[in-house]
Amino acid sequence: MHWLTEYWWFSAVGFANVFRLRLGWSVLCAVLAFAVYVAVLWGNYGLALRLTRDRPFYTPRGSDWAPLIPGITIYGGTVLIVLLAIGAAQQGAQAWEVLLKFFNTTAFGIADPIYQQDVGFYVFRMPLYQGLQQEALELLIWALLLSAGLYALRGEIRLERGWKHLLTGPVKTHLCALLSAIALVSALGYWLARYDLLYSPTGAVFGAGYTDVNARLAAYSVMGIVTLIVAALFIASLWRPGFSLPLTSLGLYVG
């Protein structure tokens, strides 16, 4: 009913084409967001199921829920993936304006004094870059949580093994691949955060102040480099089966 009344109003004022354009891009963004979430989440969850297909589910001794745990885990994971994809589709439907701005970029002819970027970059491109980075990070974190949760239920993650052998074999490869992707996307977030300093409200005036230019800018650069190093450590663990991740690097990344 809401969309119908909206269409009647736009038609009454002679902007029916504008409404159809908005509706079409909203549906497209929602479908793309839903498809990407389902593909990534179910791809990782399905991979975790495949890698642990020969291992029984962990069940507490004497529990009456033991026969139900496999079905609850599999179908519960599927329902959670669908709910997350629906939520992503709802957010994606609201991104139609950001996407249209990106595809219709216009130069302002005015460059900022720090990065020498045209003002049009911040108006038309930055919102999409930041939105994609945030959504990618959220998606990868959910994929990691789903996969790690299933591995824990299958007994593939055991604290009694010690940190060096906490993860082994294909399970280690899978989770390290997700962690390296999260680190890379986080590094991209630090790189994009440098541009947000131009909107900083912490100085005497709105915009990048002395502290932003001389301290926060360097801090973001350092954090980005450190995150890239952490990503390199995870990638190294993929190519070298005997490579163990230093505990200090994990603590640095989490911090």
C-alpha atoms as a PDB file:
ATOM      1  CA  MET A   1       0.000   0.000   0.000  1.00  0.00           C
ATOM      2  CA  HIS A   2       2.853   2.400   0.803  1.00  0.00           C
ATOM      3  CA  TRP A   3       4.459   1.952  -2.613  1.00  0.00           C
ATOM      4  CA  LEU A   4       1.081   2.326  -4.330  1.00  0.00           C
ATOM      5  CA  THR A   5       0.306   5.635  -2.643  1.00  0.00           C
ATOM      6  CA  GLU A   6       3.837   6.808  -3.376  1.00  0.00           C
ATOM      7  CA  TYR A   7       3.342   5.973  -7.047  1.00  0.00           C
ATOM      8  CA  TRP A   8       0.035   7.844  -7.154  1.00  0.00           C
ATOM      9  CA  TRP A   9       1.662  10.913  -5.605  1.00  0.00           C
ATOM     10  CA  PHE A  10       4.640  10.905  -7.989  1.00  0.00           C
ATOM     11  CA  SER A  11       2.292  10.386 -10.936  1.00  0.00           C
ATOM     12  CA  ALA A  12       0.086  13.262  -9.799  1.00  0.00           C
ATOM     13  CA  VAL A  13       3.027  15.685  -9.844  1.00  0.00           C
ATOM     14  CA  GLY A  14       4.418  14.360 -13.129  1.00  0.00           C
ATOM     15  CA  PHE A  15       7.388  12.408 -11.747  1.00  0.00           C
ATOM     16  CA  ALA A  16       6.291   8.824 -12.345  1.00  0.00           C
ATOM     17  CA  ASN A  17       9.561   8.097 -14.160  1.00  0.00           C
ATOM     18  CA  VAL A  18      11.526   9.212 -11.102  1.00  0.00           C
ATOM     19  CA  PHE A  19       9.538   6.840  -8.896  1.00  0.00           C
ATOM     20  CA  ARG A  20      10.067   3.922 -11.275  1.00  0.00           C
ATOM     21  CA  LEU A  21      13.787   4.659 -11.412  1.00  0.00           C
ATOM     22  CA  ARG A  22      14.021   4.728  -7.629  1.00  0.00           C
ATOM     23  CA  LEU A  23      11.946   1.566  -7.242  1.00  0.00           C
ATOM     24  CA  GLY A  24      13.961  -0.313  -9.857  1.00  0.00           C
ATOM     25  CA  TRP A  25      17.313   0.530  -8.299  1.00  0.00           C
ATOM     26  CA  SER A  26      15.981  -0.234  -4.805  1.00  0.00           C
ATOM     27  CA  VAL A  27      14.880  -3.695  -5.902  1.00  0.00           C
ATOM     28  CA  LEU A  28      18.161  -4.295  -7.711  1.00  0.00           C
ATOM     29  CA  CYS A  29      20.232  -3.291  -4.662  1.00  0.00           C
ATOM     30  CA  ALA A  30      18.089  -5.463  -2.384  1.00  0.00           C
ATOM     31  CA  VAL A  31      18.395  -8.502  -4.645  1.00  0.00           C
ATOM     32  CA  LEU A  32      22.158  -8.078  -4.993  1.00  0.00           C
ATOM     33  CA  ALA A  33      22.638  -7.695  -1.231  1.00  0.00           C
ATOM     34  CA  PHE A  34      20.480 -10.766  -0.537  1.00  0.00           C
ATOM     35  CA  ALA A  35      22.312 -12.859  -3.137  1.00  0.00           C
ATOM     36  CA  VAL A  36      25.781 -11.857  -1.927  1.00  0.00           C
ATOM     37  CA  TYR A  37      24.939 -12.560   1.717  1.00  0.00           C
ATOM     38  CA  VAL A  38      23.442 -15.962   0.928  1.00  0.00           C
ATOM     39  CA  ALA A  39      26.338 -16.900  -1.353  1.00  0.00           C
ATOM     40  CA  VAL A  40      29.085 -15.904   1.087  1.00  0.00           C
ATOM     41  CA  LEU A  41      27.458 -17.105   4.305  1.00  0.00           C
ATOM     42  CA  TRP A  42      26.100 -20.355   2.954  1.00  0.00           C
ATOM     43  CA  GLY A  43      29.301 -20.947   0.995  1.00  0.00           C
ATOM     44  CA  ASN A  44      31.368 -20.763   4.189  1.00  0.00           C
ATOM     45  CA  TYR A  45      28.817 -22.620   6.303  1.00  0.00           C
ATOM     46  CA  GLY A  46      28.475 -25.324   3.668  1.00  0.00           C
ATOM     47  CA  LEU A  47      32.250 -25.625   3.440  1.00  0.00           C
ATOM     48  CA  ALA A  48      32.442 -26.045   7.214  1.00  0.00           C
ATOM     49  CA  LEU A  49      29.776 -28.757   7.050  1.00  0.00           C
ATOM     50  CA  ARG A  50      31.664 -30.512   4.269  1.00  0.00           C
ATOM     51  CA  LEU A  51      35.022 -30.392   6.048  1.00  0.00           C
ATOM     52  CA  THR A  52      33.501 -31.868   9.226  1.00  0.00           C
ATOM     53  CA  ARG A  53      31.039 -34.297   7.648  1.00  0.00           C
ATOM     54  CA  ASP A  54      32.826 -37.294   9.225  1.00  0.00           C
ATOM     55  CA  ARG A  55      32.884 -35.861  12.740  1.00  0.00           C
ATOM     56  CA  PRO A  56      29.983 -36.189  15.208  1.00  0.00           C
ATOM     57  CA  PHE A  57      28.439 -33.181  16.891  1.00  0.00           C
ATOM     58  CA  TYR A  58      29.551 -32.413  20.414  1.00  0.00           C
ATOM     59  CA  THR A  59      26.787 -33.173  22.904  1.00  0.00           C
ATOM     60  CA  PRO A  60      26.897 -32.957  26.727  1.00  0.00           C
ATOM     61  CA  ARG A  61      26.813 -36.303  28.459  1.00  0.00           C
ATOM     62  CA  GLY A  62      23.354 -37.436  29.482  1.00  0.00           C
ATOM     63  CA  SER A  63      21.662 -34.723  27.437  1.00  0.00           C
ATOM     64  CA  ASP A  64      18.227 -35.509  25.995  1.00  0.00           C
ATOM     65  CA  TRP A  65      18.909 -33.055  23.170  1.00  0.00           C
ATOM     66  CA  ALA A  66      21.636 -35.161  21.587  1.00  0.00           C
ATOM     67  CA  PRO A  67      19.499 -36.559  18.702  1.00  0.00           C
ATOM     68  CA  LEU A  68      18.174 -33.078  17.892  1.00  0.00           C
ATOM     69  CA  ILE A  69      21.457 -31.163  17.889  1.00  0.00           C
ATOM     70  CA  PRO A  70      22.478 -32.032  14.272  1.00  0.00           C
ATOM     71  CA  GLY A  71      19.130 -30.891  12.865  1.00  0.00           C
ATOM     72  CA  ILE A  72      19.005 -27.783  15.060  1.00  0.00           C
ATOM     73  CA  THR A  73      22.520 -26.826  14.002  1.00  0.00           C
ATOM     74  CA  ILE A  74      22.013 -27.302  10.272  1.00  0.00           C
ATOM     75  CA  TYR A  75      18.506 -25.841   9.985  1.00  0.00           C
ATOM     76  CA  GLY A  76      19.194 -23.164  12.593  1.00  0.00           C
ATOM     77  CA  GLY A  77      22.244 -22.046  10.645  1.00  0.00           C
ATOM     78  CA  THR A  78      20.199 -21.920   7.450  1.00  0.00           C
ATOM     79  CA  VAL A  79      17.466 -19.827   9.096  1.00  0.00           C
ATOM     80  CA  LEU A  80      20.061 -17.453  10.530  1.00  0.00           C
ATOM     81  CA  ILE A  81      21.668 -17.031   7.107  1.00  0.00           C
ATOM     82  CA  VAL A  82      18.284 -16.228   5.524  1.00  0.00           C
ATOM     83  CA  LEU A  83      17.446 -13.706   8.268  1.00  0.00           C
ATOM     84  CA  LEU A  84      20.825 -11.998   7.891  1.00  0.00           C
ATOM     85  CA  ALA A  85      20.355 -11.886   4.109  1.00  0.00           C
ATOM     86  CA  ILE A  86      16.895 -10.334   4.512  1.00  0.00           C
ATOM     87  CA  GLY A  87      18.334  -7.690   6.834  1.00  0.00           C
ATOM     88  CA  ALA A  88      21.090  -6.966   4.305  1.00  0.00           C
ATOM     89  CA  ALA A  89      18.475  -6.694   1.548  1.00  0.00           C
ATOM     90  CA  GLN A  90      16.537  -4.116   3.561  1.00  0.00           C
ATOM     91  CA  GLN A  91      19.683  -2.058   4.057  1.00  0.00           C
ATOM     92  CA  GLY A  92      20.657  -2.524   0.427  1.00  0.00           C
ATOM     93  CA  ALA A  93      17.290  -1.215  -0.761  1.00  0.00           C
ATOM     94  CA  GLN A  94      18.125   2.094   0.928  1.00  0.00           C
ATOM     95  CA  ALA A  95      21.436   2.399  -0.929  1.00  0.00           C
ATOM     96  CA  TRP A  96      19.860   3.224  -4.289  1.00  0.00           C
ATOM     97  CA  GLU A  97      20.687   6.939  -3.995  1.00  0.00           C
ATOM     98  CA  VAL A  98      24.332   6.267  -3.074  1.00  0.00           C
ATOM     99  CA  LEU A  99      24.713   3.962  -6.058  1.00  0.00           C
ATOM    100  CA  LEU A 100      23.113   6.407  -8.471  1.00  0.00           C
ATOM    101  CA  LYS A 101      25.387   9.198  -7.220  1.00  0.00           C
ATOM    102  CA  PHE A 102      28.398   6.971  -7.801  1.00  0.00           C
ATOM    103  CA  PHE A 103      27.367   6.283 -11.403  1.00  0.00           C
ATOM    104  CA  ASN A 104      26.661   9.959 -12.053  1.00  0.00           C
ATOM    105  CA  THR A 105      29.788  11.544 -10.627  1.00  0.00           C
ATOM    106  CA  THR A 106      30.372  15.210 -11.393  1.00  0.00           C
ATOM    107  CA  ALA A 107      33.585  17.113 -10.779  1.00  0.00           C
ATOM    108  CA  PHE A 108      33.321  20.295  -8.718  1.00  0.00           C
ATOM    109  CA  GLY A 109      36.636  21.692  -9.918  1.00  0.00           C
ATOM    110  CA  ILE A 110      37.727  22.307  -6.318  1.00  0.00           C
ATOM    111  CA  ALA A 111      40.399  20.127  -4.650  1.00  0.00           C
ATOM    112  CA  ASP A 112      40.806  19.660  -0.909  1.00  0.00           C
ATOM    113  CA  PRO A 113      44.077  21.036   0.556  1.00  0.00           C
ATOM    114  CA  ILE A 114      45.292  17.758   2.126  1.00  0.00           C
ATOM    115  CA  TYR A 115      44.683  14.900  -0.306  1.00  0.00           C
ATOM    116  CA  GLN A 116      44.180  16.975  -3.446  1.00  0.00           C
ATOM    117  CA  GLN A 117      40.963  15.140  -4.238  1.00  0.00           C
ATOM    118  CA  ASP A 118      38.143  16.852  -6.072  1.00  0.00           C
ATOM    119  CA  VAL A 119      35.183  17.654  -3.838  1.00  0.00           C
ATOM    120  CA  GLY A 120      33.059  15.453  -6.073  1.00  0.00           C
ATOM    121  CA  PHE A 121      35.022  12.448  -4.773  1.00  0.00           C
ATOM    122  CA  TYR A 122      33.645  13.006  -1.250  1.00  0.00           C
ATOM    123  CA  VAL A 123      30.099  13.680  -2.439  1.00  0.00           C
ATOM    124  CA  PHE A 124      29.668  10.923  -5.023  1.00  0.00           C
ATOM    125  CA  ARG A 125      32.271   8.195  -4.410  1.00  0.00           C
ATOM    126  CA  MET A 126      33.230   8.075  -0.739  1.00  0.00           C
ATOM    127  CA  PRO A 127      29.742   7.108   0.549  1.00  0.00           C
ATOM    128  CA  LEU A 128      29.748   3.988  -1.647  1.00  0.00           C
ATOM    129  CA  TYR A 129      33.315   3.023  -0.722  1.00  0.00           C
ATOM    130  CA  GLN A 130      32.595   3.382   2.977  1.00  0.00           C
ATOM    131  CA  GLY A 131      29.295   1.535   2.745  1.00  0.00           C
ATOM    132  CA  LEU A 132      30.826  -1.388   0.852  1.00  0.00           C
ATOM    133  CA  GLN A 133      33.734  -1.595   3.306  1.00  0.00           C
ATOM    134  CA  GLN A 134      31.433  -1.680   6.322  1.00  0.00           C
ATOM    135  CA  GLU A 135      29.094  -4.244   4.780  1.00  0.00           C
ATOM    136  CA  ALA A 136      32.001  -6.443   3.666  1.00  0.00           C
ATOM    137  CA  LEU A 137      33.483  -6.374   7.166  1.00  0.00           C
ATOM    138  CA  GLU A 138      30.141  -7.263   8.742  1.00  0.00           C
ATOM    139  CA  LEU A 139      29.582 -10.059   6.221  1.00  0.00           C
ATOM    140  CA  LEU A 140      33.006 -11.593   6.803  1.00  0.00           C
ATOM    141  CA  ILE A 141      32.613 -11.429  10.583  1.00  0.00           C
ATOM    142  CA  TRP A 142      29.288 -13.272  10.353  1.00  0.00           C
ATOM    143  CA  ALA A 143      30.875 -15.869   8.059  1.00  0.00           C
ATOM    144  CA  LEU A 144      33.676 -16.338  10.601  1.00  0.00           C
ATOM    145  CA  LEU A 145      31.261 -16.676  13.520  1.00  0.00           C
ATOM    146  CA  LEU A 146      29.062 -19.201  11.702  1.00  0.00           C
ATOM    147  CA  SER A 147      32.027 -21.293  10.586  1.00  0.00           C
ATOM    148  CA  ALA A 148      33.833 -21.168  13.931  1.00  0.00           C
ATOM    149  CA  GLY A 149      30.628 -22.019  15.786  1.00  0.00           C
ATOM    150  CA  LEU A 150      30.090 -25.103  13.637  1.00  0.00           C
ATOM    151  CA  TYR A 151      33.712 -26.183  14.019  1.00  0.00           C
ATOM    152  CA  ALA A 152      33.379 -25.840  17.785  1.00  0.00           C
ATOM    153  CA  LEU A 153      30.254 -27.997  17.798  1.00  0.00           C
ATOM    154  CA  ARG A 154      32.082 -30.586  15.713  1.00  0.00           C
ATOM    155  CA  GLY A 155      35.022 -30.615  18.117  1.00  0.00           C
ATOM    156  CA  GLU A 156      37.531 -29.172  15.631  1.00  0.00           C
ATOM    157  CA  ILE A 157      38.415 -26.276  17.933  1.00  0.00           C
ATOM    158  CA  ARG A 158      39.904 -27.637  21.144  1.00  0.00           C
ATOM    159  CA  LEU A 159      41.546 -25.463  23.780  1.00  0.00           C
ATOM    160  CA  GLU A 160      43.332 -28.476  25.287  1.00  0.00           C
ATOM    161  CA  ARG A 161      45.507 -28.671  22.159  1.00  0.00           C
ATOM    162  CA  GLY A 162      47.214 -25.428  23.077  1.00  0.00           C
ATOM    163  CA  TRP A 163      47.436 -22.269  20.962  1.00  0.00           C
ATOM    164  CA  LYS A 164      49.923 -23.766  18.535  1.00  0.00           C
ATOM    165  CA  HIS A 165      47.609 -26.608  17.543  1.00  0.00           C
ATOM    166  CA  LEU A 166      44.260 -24.972  18.273  1.00  0.00           C
ATOM    167  CA  LEU A 167      43.461 -25.096  14.552  1.00  0.00           C
ATOM    168  CA  THR A 168      44.778 -27.783  12.226  1.00  0.00           C
ATOM    169  CA  GLY A 169      44.351 -28.952   8.668  1.00  0.00           C
ATOM    170  CA  PRO A 170      41.616 -27.607   6.374  1.00  0.00           C
ATOM    171  CA  VAL A 171      39.822 -25.995   9.330  1.00  0.00           C
ATOM    172  CA  LYS A 172      42.848 -23.821  10.012  1.00  0.00           C
ATOM    173  CA  THR A 173      43.078 -22.930   6.323  1.00  0.00           C
ATOM    174  CA  HIS A 174      39.422 -21.937   6.161  1.00  0.00           C
ATOM    175  CA  LEU A 175      39.400 -19.773   9.291  1.00  0.00           C
ATOM    176  CA  CYS A 176      42.758 -18.162   8.507  1.00  0.00           C
ATOM    177  CA  ALA A 177      41.464 -17.255   5.053  1.00  0.00           C
ATOM    178  CA  LEU A 178      38.477 -15.521   6.655  1.00  0.00           C
ATOM    179  CA  LEU A 179      40.686 -13.779   9.212  1.00  0.00           C
ATOM    180  CA  SER A 180      43.056 -12.553   6.512  1.00  0.00           C
ATOM    181  CA  ALA A 181      40.097 -11.199   4.523  1.00  0.00           C
ATOM    182  CA  ILE A 182      38.783  -9.425   7.640  1.00  0.00           C
ATOM    183  CA  ALA A 183      42.220  -7.911   8.249  1.00  0.00           C
ATOM    184  CA  LEU A 184      42.471  -6.684   4.654  1.00  0.00           C
ATOM    185  CA  VAL A 185      39.003  -5.116   4.758  1.00  0.00           C
ATOM    186  CA  SER A 186      39.858  -3.513   8.129  1.00  0.00           C
ATOM    187  CA  ALA A 187      43.029  -2.048   6.598  1.00  0.00           C
ATOM    188  CA  LEU A 188      40.880  -0.581   3.834  1.00  0.00           C
ATOM    189  CA  GLY A 189      38.677   0.948   6.541  1.00  0.00           C
ATOM    190  CA  TYR A 190      41.680   2.690   8.112  1.00  0.00           C
ATOM    191  CA  TRP A 191      42.671   4.015   4.692  1.00  0.00           C
ATOM    192  CA  LEU A 192      39.173   5.413   4.110  1.00  0.00           C
ATOM    193  CA  ALA A 193      39.059   6.829   7.643  1.00  0.00           C
ATOM    194  CA  ARG A 194      41.865   9.213   6.693  1.00  0.00           C
ATOM    195  CA  TYR A 195      39.443  11.068   4.441  1.00  0.00           C
ATOM    196  CA  ASP A 196      36.941  11.420   7.286  1.00  0.00           C
ATOM    197  CA  LEU A 197      39.415  13.713   9.017  1.00  0.00           C
ATOM    198  CA  LEU A 198      38.249  16.449   6.662  1.00  0.00           C
ATOM    199  CA  TYR A 199      34.908  16.306   8.505  1.00  0.00           C
ATOM    200  CA  SER A 200      36.465  16.263  11.967  1.00  0.00           C
ATOM    201  CA  PRO A 201      34.452  18.233  14.578  1.00  0.00           C
ATOM    202  CA  THR A 202      37.168  18.059  17.266  1.00  0.00           C
ATOM    203  CA  GLY A 203      39.128  21.154  16.317  1.00  0.00           C
ATOM    204  CA  ALA A 204      38.477  24.843  16.820  1.00  0.00           C
ATOM    205  CA  VAL A 205      36.620  24.844  13.487  1.00  0.00           C
ATOM    206  CA  PHE A 206      34.833  22.131  11.551  1.00  0.00           C
ATOM    207  CA  GLY A 207      37.317  20.179   9.427  1.00  0.00           C
ATOM    208  CA  ALA A 208      40.833  18.814   9.714  1.00  0.00           C
ATOM    209  CA  GLY A 209      42.750  20.578  12.462  1.00  0.00           C
ATOM    210  CA  TYR A 210      46.381  20.476  13.539  1.00  0.00           C
ATOM    211  CA  THR A 211      45.946  17.302  15.608  1.00  0.00           C
ATOM    212  CA  ASP A 212      44.071  15.581  12.794  1.00  0.00           C
ATOM    213  CA  VAL A 213      46.741  16.338  10.218  1.00  0.00           C
ATOM    214  CA  ASN A 214      49.799  15.705  12.378  1.00  0.00           C
ATOM    215  CA  ALA A 215      48.637  12.917  14.716  1.00  0.00           C
ATOM    216  CA  ARG A 216      45.430  11.159  13.677  1.00  0.00           C
ATOM    217  CA  LEU A 217      46.440  10.904  10.032  1.00  0.00           C
ATOM    218  CA  ALA A 218      49.685   9.175  10.978  1.00  0.00           C
ATOM    219  CA  ALA A 219      47.841   6.957  13.476  1.00  0.00           C
ATOM    220  CA  TYR A 220      45.431   5.726  10.817  1.00  0.00           C
ATOM    221  CA  SER A 221      48.340   5.004   8.494  1.00  0.00           C
ATOM    222  CA  VAL A 222      50.184   3.043  11.188  1.00  0.00           C
ATOM    223  CA  MET A 223      47.078   1.061  12.134  1.00  0.00           C
ATOM    224  CA  GLY A 224      46.477   0.255   8.491  1.00  0.00           C
ATOM    225  CA  ILE A 225      50.051  -1.006   8.053  1.00  0.00           C
ATOM    226  CA  VAL A 226      49.840  -3.089  11.241  1.00  0.00           C
ATOM    227  CA  THR A 227      46.567  -4.628  10.060  1.00  0.00           C
ATOM    228  CA  LEU A 228      48.166  -5.488   6.727  1.00  0.00           C
ATOM    229  CA  ILE A 229      51.017  -7.202   8.595  1.00  0.00           C
ATOM    230  CA  VAL A 230      48.475  -9.249  10.555  1.00  0.00           C
ATOM    231  CA  ALA A 231      46.784 -10.185   7.287  1.00  0.00           C
ATOM    232  CA  ALA A 232      50.174 -11.269   5.925  1.00  0.00           C
ATOM    233  CA  LEU A 233      50.647 -13.512   8.976  1.00  0.00           C
ATOM    234  CA  PHE A 234      47.336 -15.221   8.355  1.00  0.00           C
ATOM    235  CA  ILE A 235      48.142 -15.621   4.662  1.00  0.00           C
ATOM    236  CA  ALA A 236      51.543 -17.085   5.563  1.00  0.00           C
ATOM    237  CA  SER A 237      49.782 -19.680   7.701  1.00  0.00           C
ATOM    238  CA  LEU A 238      47.821 -20.745   4.602  1.00  0.00           C
ATOM    239  CA  TRP A 239      50.921 -21.429   2.505  1.00  0.00           C
ATOM    240  CA  ARG A 240      53.041 -22.910   5.298  1.00  0.00           C
ATOM    241  CA  PRO A 241      51.202 -25.739   7.095  1.00  0.00           C
ATOM    242  CA  GLY A 242      53.716 -25.740   9.951  1.00  0.00           C
ATOM    243  CA  PHE A 243      53.525 -21.993  10.495  1.00  0.00           C
ATOM    244  CA  SER A 244      52.013 -21.029  13.844  1.00  0.00           C
ATOM    245  CA  LEU A 245      50.529 -17.606  14.453  1.00  0.00           C
ATOM    246  CA  PRO A 246      52.297 -15.638  17.194  1.00  0.00           C
ATOM    247  CA  LEU A 247      49.919 -14.962  20.068  1.00  0.00           C
ATOM    248  CA  THR A 248      51.152 -11.373  20.283  1.00  0.00           C
ATOM    249  CA  SER A 249      50.026 -10.692  16.711  1.00  0.00           C
ATOM    250  CA  LEU A 250      46.549 -11.979  17.461  1.00  0.00           C
ATOM    251  CA  GLY A 251      46.340  -9.775  20.530  1.00  0.00           C
ATOM    252  CA  LEU A 252      47.524  -6.783  18.537  1.00  0.00           C
ATOM    253  CA  TYR A 253      44.889  -7.373  15.905  1.00  0.00           C
ATOM    254  CA  VAL A 254      42.093  -7.770  18.388  1.00  0.00           C
ATOM    255  CA  GLY A 255      43.185  -4.627  20.180  1.00  0.00           C
END
